[in-house]
């Protein structure tokens, strides 16, 4: 005879996993803010930039340019062996000075 499934336990496990994944996402977003040097901005300015970006993301060519620049950022970090958990002054200075448009 088959053992009956404990649906409540499975649901709790899924909810715990979802909570863990959400917490990891929040941490990763914070690490990305630090790695790009955006942590030097005050919260109001950073929020304004993000809101402006969301408005601008309606244009697909703008969004694609941002995607390419972000991909280049992560590729540069991968080539240099840097993770988001280990930000360095090199990347933050380039990000805050407006440099680094996909060039290494």
PDB file of N, CA and C in Angstrom:
ATOM      1  N   UNK A   1       0.839  -1.178   0.000  1.00  0.00           N
ATOM      2  CA  UNK A   1       0.000   0.000   0.000  1.00  0.00           C
ATOM      3  C   UNK A   1       0.886   1.244   0.000  1.00  0.00           C
ATOM      4  N   UNK A   2       0.498   2.217  -0.800  1.00  0.00           N
ATOM      5  CA  UNK A   2       1.269   3.455  -0.893  1.00  0.00           C
ATOM      6  C   UNK A   2       1.054   4.328   0.334  1.00  0.00           C
ATOM      7  N   UNK A   3       2.135   4.989   0.690  1.00  0.00           N
ATOM      8  CA  UNK A   3       2.061   5.924   1.803  1.00  0.00           C
ATOM      9  C   UNK A   3       1.377   7.197   1.297  1.00  0.00           C
ATOM     10  N   UNK A   4       0.398   7.721   2.026  1.00  0.00           N
ATOM     11  CA  UNK A   4      -0.281   8.943   1.579  1.00  0.00           C
ATOM     12  C   UNK A   4       0.674  10.139   1.620  1.00  0.00           C
ATOM     13  N   UNK A   5       0.512  11.045   0.653  1.00  0.00           N
ATOM     14  CA  UNK A   5       1.348  12.250   0.595  1.00  0.00           C
ATOM     15  C   UNK A   5       0.907  13.245   1.661  1.00  0.00           C
ATOM     16  N   UNK A   6       1.876  13.884   2.246  1.00  0.00           N
ATOM     17  CA  UNK A   6       1.595  14.941   3.218  1.00  0.00           C
ATOM     18  C   UNK A   6       1.641  16.267   2.456  1.00  0.00           C
ATOM     19  N   UNK A   7       0.491  16.642   1.916  1.00  0.00           N
ATOM     20  CA  UNK A   7       0.393  17.840   1.080  1.00  0.00           C
ATOM     21  C   UNK A   7       0.787  19.086   1.868  1.00  0.00           C
ATOM     22  N   UNK A   8       0.391  19.157   3.115  1.00  0.00           N
ATOM     23  CA  UNK A   8       0.723  20.331   3.935  1.00  0.00           C
ATOM     24  C   UNK A   8       2.233  20.470   4.113  1.00  0.00           C
ATOM     25  N   UNK A   9       2.921  19.359   4.346  1.00  0.00           N
ATOM     26  CA  UNK A   9       4.372  19.397   4.516  1.00  0.00           C
ATOM     27  C   UNK A   9       5.047  19.808   3.207  1.00  0.00           C
ATOM     28  N   UNK A  10       4.545  19.289   2.082  1.00  0.00           N
ATOM     29  CA  UNK A  10       5.109  19.659   0.784  1.00  0.00           C
ATOM     30  C   UNK A  10       4.894  21.139   0.507  1.00  0.00           C
ATOM     31  N   UNK A  11       3.727  21.651   0.855  1.00  0.00           N
ATOM     32  CA  UNK A  11       3.428  23.069   0.649  1.00  0.00           C
ATOM     33  C   UNK A  11       4.335  23.939   1.514  1.00  0.00           C
ATOM     34  N   UNK A  12       4.531  23.543   2.765  1.00  0.00           N
ATOM     35  CA  UNK A  12       5.442  24.292   3.651  1.00  0.00           C
ATOM     36  C   UNK A  12       6.860  24.293   3.090  1.00  0.00           C
ATOM     37  N   UNK A  13       7.296  23.138   2.577  1.00  0.00           N
ATOM     38  CA  UNK A  13       8.641  23.040   2.004  1.00  0.00           C
ATOM     39  C   UNK A  13       8.784  23.961   0.793  1.00  0.00           C
ATOM     40  N   UNK A  14       7.769  23.998  -0.047  1.00  0.00           N
ATOM     41  CA  UNK A  14       7.797  24.891  -1.210  1.00  0.00           C
ATOM     42  C   UNK A  14       7.789  26.357  -0.794  1.00  0.00           C
ATOM     43  N   UNK A  15       7.014  26.679   0.227  1.00  0.00           N
ATOM     44  CA  UNK A  15       6.987  28.057   0.715  1.00  0.00           C
ATOM     45  C   UNK A  15       8.334  28.456   1.306  1.00  0.00           C
ATOM     46  N   UNK A  16       8.966  27.530   2.019  1.00  0.00           N
ATOM     47  CA  UNK A  16      10.300  27.800   2.578  1.00  0.00           C
ATOM     48  C   UNK A  16      11.315  28.007   1.461  1.00  0.00           C
ATOM     49  N   UNK A  17      11.220  27.182   0.425  1.00  0.00           N
ATOM     50  CA  UNK A  17      12.137  27.322  -0.709  1.00  0.00           C
ATOM     51  C   UNK A  17      11.919  28.655  -1.417  1.00  0.00           C
ATOM     52  N   UNK A  18      10.660  29.059  -1.593  1.00  0.00           N
ATOM     53  CA  UNK A  18      10.364  30.341  -2.231  1.00  0.00           C
ATOM     54  C   UNK A  18      10.906  31.499  -1.397  1.00  0.00           C
ATOM     55  N   UNK A  19      10.778  31.401  -0.090  1.00  0.00           N
ATOM     56  CA  UNK A  19      11.300  32.439   0.808  1.00  0.00           C
ATOM     57  C   UNK A  19      12.817  32.528   0.702  1.00  0.00           C
ATOM     58  N   UNK A  20      13.474  31.373   0.646  1.00  0.00           N
ATOM     59  CA  UNK A  20      14.929  31.336   0.515  1.00  0.00           C
ATOM     60  C   UNK A  20      15.375  31.945  -0.810  1.00  0.00           C
ATOM     61  N   UNK A  21      14.683  31.610  -1.890  1.00  0.00           N
ATOM     62  CA  UNK A  21      15.027  32.151  -3.207  1.00  0.00           C
ATOM     63  C   UNK A  21      14.822  33.661  -3.261  1.00  0.00           C
ATOM     64  N   UNK A  22      13.757  34.138  -2.636  1.00  0.00           N
ATOM     65  CA  UNK A  22      13.508  35.579  -2.613  1.00  0.00           C
ATOM     66  C   UNK A  22      14.592  36.301  -1.817  1.00  0.00           C
ATOM     67  N   UNK A  23      14.990  35.728  -0.696  1.00  0.00           N
ATOM     68  CA  UNK A  23      16.052  36.331   0.112  1.00  0.00           C
ATOM     69  C   UNK A  23      17.366  36.352  -0.661  1.00  0.00           C
ATOM     70  N   UNK A  24      17.651  35.279  -1.395  1.00  0.00           N
ATOM     71  CA  UNK A  24      18.880  35.226  -2.197  1.00  0.00           C
ATOM     72  C   UNK A  24      18.849  36.301  -3.288  1.00  0.00           C
ATOM     73  N   UNK A  25      17.684  36.498  -3.890  1.00  0.00           N
ATOM     74  CA  UNK A  25      17.545  37.522  -4.936  1.00  0.00           C
ATOM     75  C   UNK A  25      17.813  38.912  -4.364  1.00  0.00           C
ATOM     76  N   UNK A  26      17.284  39.184  -3.183  1.00  0.00           N
ATOM     77  CA  UNK A  26      17.499  40.483  -2.538  1.00  0.00           C
ATOM     78  C   UNK A  26      18.989  40.697  -2.257  1.00  0.00           C
ATOM     79  N   UNK A  27      19.658  39.659  -1.761  1.00  0.00           N
ATOM     80  CA  UNK A  27      21.090  39.757  -1.481  1.00  0.00           C
ATOM     81  C   UNK A  27      21.863  40.003  -2.775  1.00  0.00           C
ATOM     82  N   UNK A  28      21.521  39.275  -3.832  1.00  0.00           N
ATOM     83  CA  UNK A  28      22.217  39.440  -5.105  1.00  0.00           C
ATOM     84  C   UNK A  28      22.005  40.839  -5.683  1.00  0.00           C
ATOM     85  N   UNK A  29      20.815  41.373  -5.534  1.00  0.00           N
ATOM     86  CA  UNK A  29      20.571  42.738  -6.015  1.00  0.00           C
ATOM     87  C   UNK A  29      21.422  43.731  -5.237  1.00  0.00           C
ATOM     88  N   UNK A  30      21.523  43.538  -3.938  1.00  0.00           N
ATOM     89  CA  UNK A  30      22.372  44.406  -3.126  1.00  0.00           C
ATOM     90  C   UNK A  30      23.832  44.295  -3.526  1.00  0.00           C
ATOM     91  N   UNK A  31      24.281  43.065  -3.798  1.00  0.00           N
ATOM     92  CA  UNK A  31      25.658  42.871  -4.242  1.00  0.00           C
ATOM     93  C   UNK A  31      25.909  43.560  -5.578  1.00  0.00           C
ATOM     94  N   UNK A  32      24.905  43.533  -6.462  1.00  0.00           N
ATOM     95  CA  UNK A  32      25.050  44.168  -7.763  1.00  0.00           C
ATOM     96  C   UNK A  32      25.129  45.690  -7.611  1.00  0.00           C
ATOM     97  N   UNK A  33      24.349  46.244  -6.708  1.00  0.00           N
ATOM     98  CA  UNK A  33      24.402  47.685  -6.451  1.00  0.00           C
ATOM     99  C   UNK A  33      25.800  48.068  -5.984  1.00  0.00           C
ATOM    100  N   UNK A  34      26.367  47.273  -5.091  1.00  0.00           N
ATOM    101  CA  UNK A  34      27.699  47.553  -4.579  1.00  0.00           C
ATOM    102  C   UNK A  34      28.753  47.368  -5.673  1.00  0.00           C
ATOM    103  N   UNK A  35      28.658  46.269  -6.426  1.00  0.00           N
ATOM    104  CA  UNK A  35      29.653  45.971  -7.452  1.00  0.00           C
ATOM    105  C   UNK A  35      29.696  47.034  -8.545  1.00  0.00           C
ATOM    106  N   UNK A  36      28.559  47.640  -8.848  1.00  0.00           N
ATOM    107  CA  UNK A  36      28.526  48.665  -9.897  1.00  0.00           C
ATOM    108  C   UNK A  36      28.900  50.042  -9.372  1.00  0.00           C
ATOM    109  N   UNK A  37      29.021  50.171  -8.062  1.00  0.00           N
ATOM    110  CA  UNK A  37      29.353  51.458  -7.475  1.00  0.00           C
ATOM    111  C   UNK A  37      28.137  52.317  -7.190  1.00  0.00           C
ATOM    112  N   UNK A  38      26.953  51.789  -7.434  1.00  0.00           N
ATOM    113  CA  UNK A  38      25.726  52.554  -7.212  1.00  0.00           C
ATOM    114  C   UNK A  38      25.436  52.766  -5.735  1.00  0.00           C
ATOM    115  N   UNK A  39      26.139  52.061  -4.865  1.00  0.00           N
ATOM    116  CA  UNK A  39      25.937  52.262  -3.425  1.00  0.00           C
ATOM    117  C   UNK A  39      26.459  53.622  -2.972  1.00  0.00           C
ATOM    118  N   UNK A  40      27.227  54.295  -3.825  1.00  0.00           N
ATOM    119  CA  UNK A  40      27.719  55.633  -3.494  1.00  0.00           C
ATOM    120  C   UNK A  40      26.616  56.685  -3.638  1.00  0.00           C
ATOM    121  N   UNK A  41      25.534  56.313  -4.309  1.00  0.00           N
ATOM    122  CA  UNK A  41      24.412  57.234  -4.498  1.00  0.00           C
ATOM    123  C   UNK A  41      23.494  57.196  -3.281  1.00  0.00           C
ATOM    124  N   UNK A  42      22.821  58.319  -3.026  1.00  0.00           N
ATOM    125  CA  UNK A  42      21.832  58.298  -1.947  1.00  0.00           C
ATOM    126  C   UNK A  42      20.610  57.510  -2.435  1.00  0.00           C
ATOM    127  N   UNK A  43      19.834  56.944  -1.531  1.00  0.00           N
ATOM    128  CA  UNK A  43      18.703  56.093  -1.914  1.00  0.00           C
ATOM    129  C   UNK A  43      17.692  56.780  -2.841  1.00  0.00           C
ATOM    130  N   UNK A  44      17.433  58.071  -2.630  1.00  0.00           N
ATOM    131  CA  UNK A  44      16.474  58.774  -3.470  1.00  0.00           C
ATOM    132  C   UNK A  44      16.961  58.860  -4.907  1.00  0.00           C
ATOM    133  N   UNK A  45      18.260  59.139  -5.077  1.00  0.00           N
ATOM    134  CA  UNK A  45      18.824  59.240  -6.420  1.00  0.00           C
ATOM    135  C   UNK A  45      18.797  57.881  -7.111  1.00  0.00           C
ATOM    136  N   UNK A  46      19.197  56.841  -6.393  1.00  0.00           N
ATOM    137  CA  UNK A  46      19.188  55.503  -6.974  1.00  0.00           C
ATOM    138  C   UNK A  46      17.771  55.093  -7.371  1.00  0.00           C
ATOM    139  N   UNK A  47      16.803  55.362  -6.512  1.00  0.00           N
ATOM    140  CA  UNK A  47      15.412  55.040  -6.839  1.00  0.00           C
ATOM    141  C   UNK A  47      14.958  55.822  -8.069  1.00  0.00           C
ATOM    142  N   UNK A  48      15.331  57.098  -8.150  1.00  0.00           N
ATOM    143  CA  UNK A  48      14.969  57.911  -9.313  1.00  0.00           C
ATOM    144  C   UNK A  48      15.575  57.374 -10.589  1.00  0.00           C
ATOM    145  N   UNK A  49      16.831  56.934 -10.522  1.00  0.00           N
ATOM    146  CA  UNK A  49      17.493  56.361 -11.696  1.00  0.00           C
ATOM    147  C   UNK A  49      16.770  55.096 -12.146  1.00  0.00           C
ATOM    148  N   UNK A  50      16.434  54.240 -11.196  1.00  0.00           N
ATOM    149  CA  UNK A  50      15.749  53.000 -11.531  1.00  0.00           C
ATOM    150  C   UNK A  50      14.366  53.267 -12.125  1.00  0.00           C
ATOM    151  N   UNK A  51      13.652  54.228 -11.562  1.00  0.00           N
ATOM    152  CA  UNK A  51      12.332  54.568 -12.105  1.00  0.00           C
ATOM    153  C   UNK A  51      12.448  55.141 -13.518  1.00  0.00           C
ATOM    154  N   UNK A  52      13.453  55.973 -13.735  1.00  0.00           N
ATOM    155  CA  UNK A  52      13.698  56.529 -15.070  1.00  0.00           C
ATOM    156  C   UNK A  52      14.031  55.408 -16.050  1.00  0.00           C
ATOM    157  N   UNK A  53      14.826  54.447 -15.592  1.00  0.00           N
ATOM    158  CA  UNK A  53      15.188  53.319 -16.444  1.00  0.00           C
ATOM    159  C   UNK A  53      13.958  52.496 -16.816  1.00  0.00           C
ATOM    160  N   UNK A  54      13.062  52.299 -15.863  1.00  0.00           N
ATOM    161  CA  UNK A  54      11.844  51.552 -16.164  1.00  0.00           C
ATOM    162  C   UNK A  54      11.003  52.274 -17.210  1.00  0.00           C
ATOM    163  N   UNK A  55      10.959  53.592 -17.125  1.00  0.00           N
ATOM    164  CA  UNK A  55      10.232  54.362 -18.137  1.00  0.00           C
ATOM    165  C   UNK A  55      10.908  54.230 -19.495  1.00  0.00           C
ATOM    166  N   UNK A  56      12.236  54.286 -19.515  1.00  0.00           N
ATOM    167  CA  UNK A  56      12.987  54.187 -20.756  1.00  0.00           C
ATOM    168  C   UNK A  56      13.004  52.791 -21.336  1.00  0.00           C
ATOM    169  N   UNK A  57      12.742  51.785 -20.518  1.00  0.00           N
ATOM    170  CA  UNK A  57      12.784  50.399 -20.972  1.00  0.00           C
ATOM    171  C   UNK A  57      11.648  50.073 -21.936  1.00  0.00           C
ATOM    172  N   UNK A  58      10.735  50.979 -22.114  1.00  0.00           N
ATOM    173  CA  UNK A  58       9.642  50.736 -23.058  1.00  0.00           C
ATOM    174  C   UNK A  58      10.147  50.757 -24.496  1.00  0.00           C
ATOM    175  N   UNK A  59      11.312  51.371 -24.716  1.00  0.00           N
ATOM    176  CA  UNK A  59      11.925  51.389 -26.036  1.00  0.00           C
ATOM    177  C   UNK A  59      12.869  50.191 -26.119  1.00  0.00           C
ATOM    178  N   UNK A  60      12.588  49.268 -27.027  1.00  0.00           N
ATOM    179  CA  UNK A  60      13.342  48.017 -27.071  1.00  0.00           C
ATOM    180  C   UNK A  60      14.819  48.224 -27.380  1.00  0.00           C
ATOM    181  N   UNK A  61      15.157  49.225 -28.212  1.00  0.00           N
ATOM    182  CA  UNK A  61      16.577  49.441 -28.523  1.00  0.00           C
ATOM    183  C   UNK A  61      17.336  49.930 -27.297  1.00  0.00           C
ATOM    184  N   UNK A  62      16.700  50.725 -26.462  1.00  0.00           N
ATOM    185  CA  UNK A  62      17.326  51.187 -25.226  1.00  0.00           C
ATOM    186  C   UNK A  62      17.554  50.010 -24.293  1.00  0.00           C
ATOM    187  N   UNK A  63      16.544  49.192 -24.133  1.00  0.00           N
ATOM    188  CA  UNK A  63      16.630  48.030 -23.250  1.00  0.00           C
ATOM    189  C   UNK A  63      17.708  47.065 -23.735  1.00  0.00           C
ATOM    190  N   UNK A  64      17.807  46.861 -25.042  1.00  0.00           N
ATOM    191  CA  UNK A  64      18.817  45.962 -25.589  1.00  0.00           C
ATOM    192  C   UNK A  64      20.221  46.515 -25.346  1.00  0.00           C
ATOM    193  N   UNK A  65      20.404  47.820 -25.453  1.00  0.00           N
ATOM    194  CA  UNK A  65      21.700  48.432 -25.156  1.00  0.00           C
ATOM    195  C   UNK A  65      22.081  48.224 -23.702  1.00  0.00           C
ATOM    196  N   UNK A  66      21.118  48.382 -22.812  1.00  0.00           N
ATOM    197  CA  UNK A  66      21.377  48.151 -21.384  1.00  0.00           C
ATOM    198  C   UNK A  66      21.744  46.697 -21.139  1.00  0.00           C
ATOM    199  N   UNK A  67      21.029  45.783 -21.814  1.00  0.00           N
ATOM    200  CA  UNK A  67      21.290  44.361 -21.636  1.00  0.00           C
ATOM    201  C   UNK A  67      22.714  44.032 -22.076  1.00  0.00           C
ATOM    202  N   UNK A  68      23.130  44.580 -23.220  1.00  0.00           N
ATOM    203  CA  UNK A  68      24.477  44.323 -23.724  1.00  0.00           C
ATOM    204  C   UNK A  68      25.535  44.886 -22.778  1.00  0.00           C
ATOM    205  N   UNK A  69      25.289  46.075 -22.256  1.00  0.00           N
ATOM    206  CA  UNK A  69      26.246  46.683 -21.337  1.00  0.00           C
ATOM    207  C   UNK A  69      26.338  45.862 -20.047  1.00  0.00           C
ATOM    208  N   UNK A  70      25.204  45.384 -19.558  1.00  0.00           N
ATOM    209  CA  UNK A  70      25.205  44.543 -18.362  1.00  0.00           C
ATOM    210  C   UNK A  70      25.918  43.224 -18.602  1.00  0.00           C
ATOM    211  N   UNK A  71      25.684  42.618 -19.770  1.00  0.00           N
ATOM    212  CA  UNK A  71      26.361  41.366 -20.097  1.00  0.00           C
ATOM    213  C   UNK A  71      27.868  41.580 -20.146  1.00  0.00           C
ATOM    214  N   UNK A  72      28.314  42.699 -20.730  1.00  0.00           N
ATOM    215  CA  UNK A  72      29.745  43.005 -20.791  1.00  0.00           C
ATOM    216  C   UNK A  72      30.314  43.194 -19.385  1.00  0.00           C
ATOM    217  N   UNK A  73      29.545  43.813 -18.496  1.00  0.00           N
ATOM    218  CA  UNK A  73      29.978  44.007 -17.105  1.00  0.00           C
ATOM    219  C   UNK A  73      30.244  42.661 -16.441  1.00  0.00           C
ATOM    220  N   UNK A  74      29.295  41.729 -16.583  1.00  0.00           N
ATOM    221  CA  UNK A  74      29.452  40.427 -15.942  1.00  0.00           C
ATOM    222  C   UNK A  74      30.561  39.615 -16.602  1.00  0.00           C
ATOM    223  N   UNK A  75      30.734  39.743 -17.923  1.00  0.00           N
ATOM    224  CA  UNK A  75      31.816  39.024 -18.599  1.00  0.00           C
ATOM    225  C   UNK A  75      33.177  39.540 -18.145  1.00  0.00           C
ATOM    226  N   UNK A  76      33.297  40.862 -17.983  1.00  0.00           N
ATOM    227  CA  UNK A  76      34.543  41.440 -17.487  1.00  0.00           C
ATOM    228  C   UNK A  76      34.868  40.887 -16.113  1.00  0.00           C
ATOM    229  N   UNK A  77      33.873  40.825 -15.256  1.00  0.00           N
ATOM    230  CA  UNK A  77      34.086  40.324 -13.891  1.00  0.00           C
ATOM    231  C   UNK A  77      34.471  38.851 -13.926  1.00  0.00           C
ATOM    232  N   UNK A  78      33.858  38.082 -14.835  1.00  0.00           N
ATOM    233  CA  UNK A  78      34.180  36.656 -14.935  1.00  0.00           C
ATOM    234  C   UNK A  78      35.611  36.461 -15.431  1.00  0.00           C
ATOM    235  N   UNK A  79      36.042  37.280 -16.394  1.00  0.00           N
ATOM    236  CA  UNK A  79      37.407  37.167 -16.921  1.00  0.00           C
ATOM    237  C   UNK A  79      38.446  37.506 -15.863  1.00  0.00           C
ATOM    238  N   UNK A  80      38.124  38.465 -15.020  1.00  0.00           N
ATOM    239  CA  UNK A  80      39.086  38.870 -13.996  1.00  0.00           C
ATOM    240  C   UNK A  80      38.960  38.022 -12.737  1.00  0.00           C
ATOM    241  N   UNK A  81      37.983  37.128 -12.711  1.00  0.00           N
ATOM    242  CA  UNK A  81      37.813  36.246 -11.563  1.00  0.00           C
ATOM    243  C   UNK A  81      37.149  36.901 -10.377  1.00  0.00           C
ATOM    244  N   UNK A  82      36.505  38.037 -10.593  1.00  0.00           N
ATOM    245  CA  UNK A  82      35.843  38.738  -9.498  1.00  0.00           C
ATOM    246  C   UNK A  82      34.387  38.307  -9.439  1.00  0.00           C
ATOM    247  N   UNK A  83      33.905  38.073  -8.243  1.00  0.00           N
ATOM    248  CA  UNK A  83      32.491  37.772  -8.072  1.00  0.00           C
ATOM    249  C   UNK A  83      31.803  39.005  -7.517  1.00  0.00           C
ATOM    250  N   UNK A  84      30.486  38.986  -7.505  1.00  0.00           N
ATOM    251  CA  UNK A  84      29.753  40.113  -6.938  1.00  0.00           C
ATOM    252  C   UNK A  84      29.998  40.224  -5.440  1.00  0.00           C
ATOM    253  N   UNK A  85      30.427  39.163  -4.821  1.00  0.00           N
ATOM    254  CA  UNK A  85      30.693  39.190  -3.382  1.00  0.00           C
ATOM    255  C   UNK A  85      32.027  39.850  -3.067  1.00  0.00           C
ATOM    256  N   UNK A  86      32.859  40.088  -4.091  1.00  0.00           N
ATOM    257  CA  UNK A  86      34.163  40.683  -3.879  1.00  0.00           C
ATOM    258  C   UNK A  86      34.328  41.915  -4.756  1.00  0.00           C
ATOM    259  N   UNK A  87      33.573  42.991  -4.489  1.00  0.00           N
ATOM    260  CA  UNK A  87      33.711  44.178  -5.324  1.00  0.00           C
ATOM    261  C   UNK A  87      35.091  44.797  -5.143  1.00  0.00           C
ATOM    262  N   UNK A  88      35.570  45.434  -6.208  1.00  0.00           N
ATOM    263  CA  UNK A  88      36.866  46.091  -6.120  1.00  0.00           C
ATOM    264  C   UNK A  88      36.722  47.539  -6.510  1.00  0.00           C
ATOM    265  N   UNK A  89      37.689  48.329  -6.171  1.00  0.00           N
ATOM    266  CA  UNK A  89      37.680  49.741  -6.510  1.00  0.00           C
ATOM    267  C   UNK A  89      37.740  49.966  -8.006  1.00  0.00           C
ATOM    268  N   UNK A  90      38.289  48.995  -8.781  1.00  0.00           N
ATOM    269  CA  UNK A  90      38.419  49.159 -10.225  1.00  0.00           C
ATOM    270  C   UNK A  90      37.064  49.326 -10.887  1.00  0.00           C
ATOM    271  N   UNK A  91      36.139  48.407 -10.598  1.00  0.00           N
ATOM    272  CA  UNK A  91      34.833  48.441 -11.249  1.00  0.00           C
ATOM    273  C   UNK A  91      33.977  49.593 -10.754  1.00  0.00           C
ATOM    274  N   UNK A  92      34.077  49.928  -9.472  1.00  0.00           N
ATOM    275  CA  UNK A  92      33.230  50.991  -8.946  1.00  0.00           C
ATOM    276  C   UNK A  92      33.645  52.327  -9.507  1.00  0.00           C
ATOM    277  N   UNK A  93      34.949  52.556  -9.713  1.00  0.00           N
ATOM    278  CA  UNK A  93      35.374  53.837 -10.245  1.00  0.00           C
ATOM    279  C   UNK A  93      34.960  53.971 -11.692  1.00  0.00           C
ATOM    280  N   UNK A  94      34.986  52.887 -12.463  1.00  0.00           N
ATOM    281  CA  UNK A  94      34.566  52.950 -13.855  1.00  0.00           C
ATOM    282  C   UNK A  94      33.058  53.159 -13.941  1.00  0.00           C
ATOM    283  N   UNK A  95      32.311  52.518 -13.026  1.00  0.00           N
ATOM    284  CA  UNK A  95      30.858  52.640 -13.085  1.00  0.00           C
ATOM    285  C   UNK A  95      30.409  54.043 -12.697  1.00  0.00           C
ATOM    286  N   UNK A  96      31.064  54.650 -11.728  1.00  0.00           N
ATOM    287  CA  UNK A  96      30.620  55.966 -11.289  1.00  0.00           C
ATOM    288  C   UNK A  96      31.120  57.071 -12.185  1.00  0.00           C
ATOM    289  N   UNK A  97      32.194  56.817 -12.963  1.00  0.00           N
ATOM    290  CA  UNK A  97      32.705  57.865 -13.828  1.00  0.00           C
ATOM    291  C   UNK A  97      32.082  57.829 -15.202  1.00  0.00           C
ATOM    292  N   UNK A  98      31.206  56.825 -15.434  1.00  0.00           N
ATOM    293  CA  UNK A  98      30.541  56.729 -16.722  1.00  0.00           C
ATOM    294  C   UNK A  98      31.341  55.936 -17.720  1.00  0.00           C
ATOM    295  N   UNK A  99      32.489  55.391 -17.343  1.00  0.00           N
ATOM    296  CA  UNK A  99      33.292  54.601 -18.251  1.00  0.00           C
ATOM    297  C   UNK A  99      32.799  53.177 -18.311  1.00  0.00           C
ATOM    298  N   UNK A 100      33.443  52.369 -19.122  1.00  0.00           N
ATOM    299  CA  UNK A 100      33.110  50.965 -19.163  1.00  0.00           C
ATOM    300  C   UNK A 100      31.928  50.642 -20.019  1.00  0.00           C
ATOM    301  N   UNK A 101      31.770  51.243 -21.182  1.00  0.00           N
ATOM    302  CA  UNK A 101      30.655  50.952 -22.073  1.00  0.00           C
ATOM    303  C   UNK A 101      30.906  49.679 -22.853  1.00  0.00           C
ATOM    304  N   UNK A 102      31.223  48.612 -22.123  1.00  0.00           N
ATOM    305  CA  UNK A 102      31.433  47.333 -22.778  1.00  0.00           C
ATOM    306  C   UNK A 102      32.896  47.084 -23.110  1.00  0.00           C
ATOM    307  N   UNK A 103      33.784  48.025 -22.895  1.00  0.00           N
ATOM    308  CA  UNK A 103      35.194  47.784 -23.146  1.00  0.00           C
ATOM    309  C   UNK A 103      35.853  47.282 -21.874  1.00  0.00           C
ATOM    310  N   UNK A 104      36.811  46.350 -21.970  1.00  0.00           N
ATOM    311  CA  UNK A 104      37.457  45.784 -20.781  1.00  0.00           C
ATOM    312  C   UNK A 104      38.318  46.751 -20.046  1.00  0.00           C
TER     313      UNK A 104
END
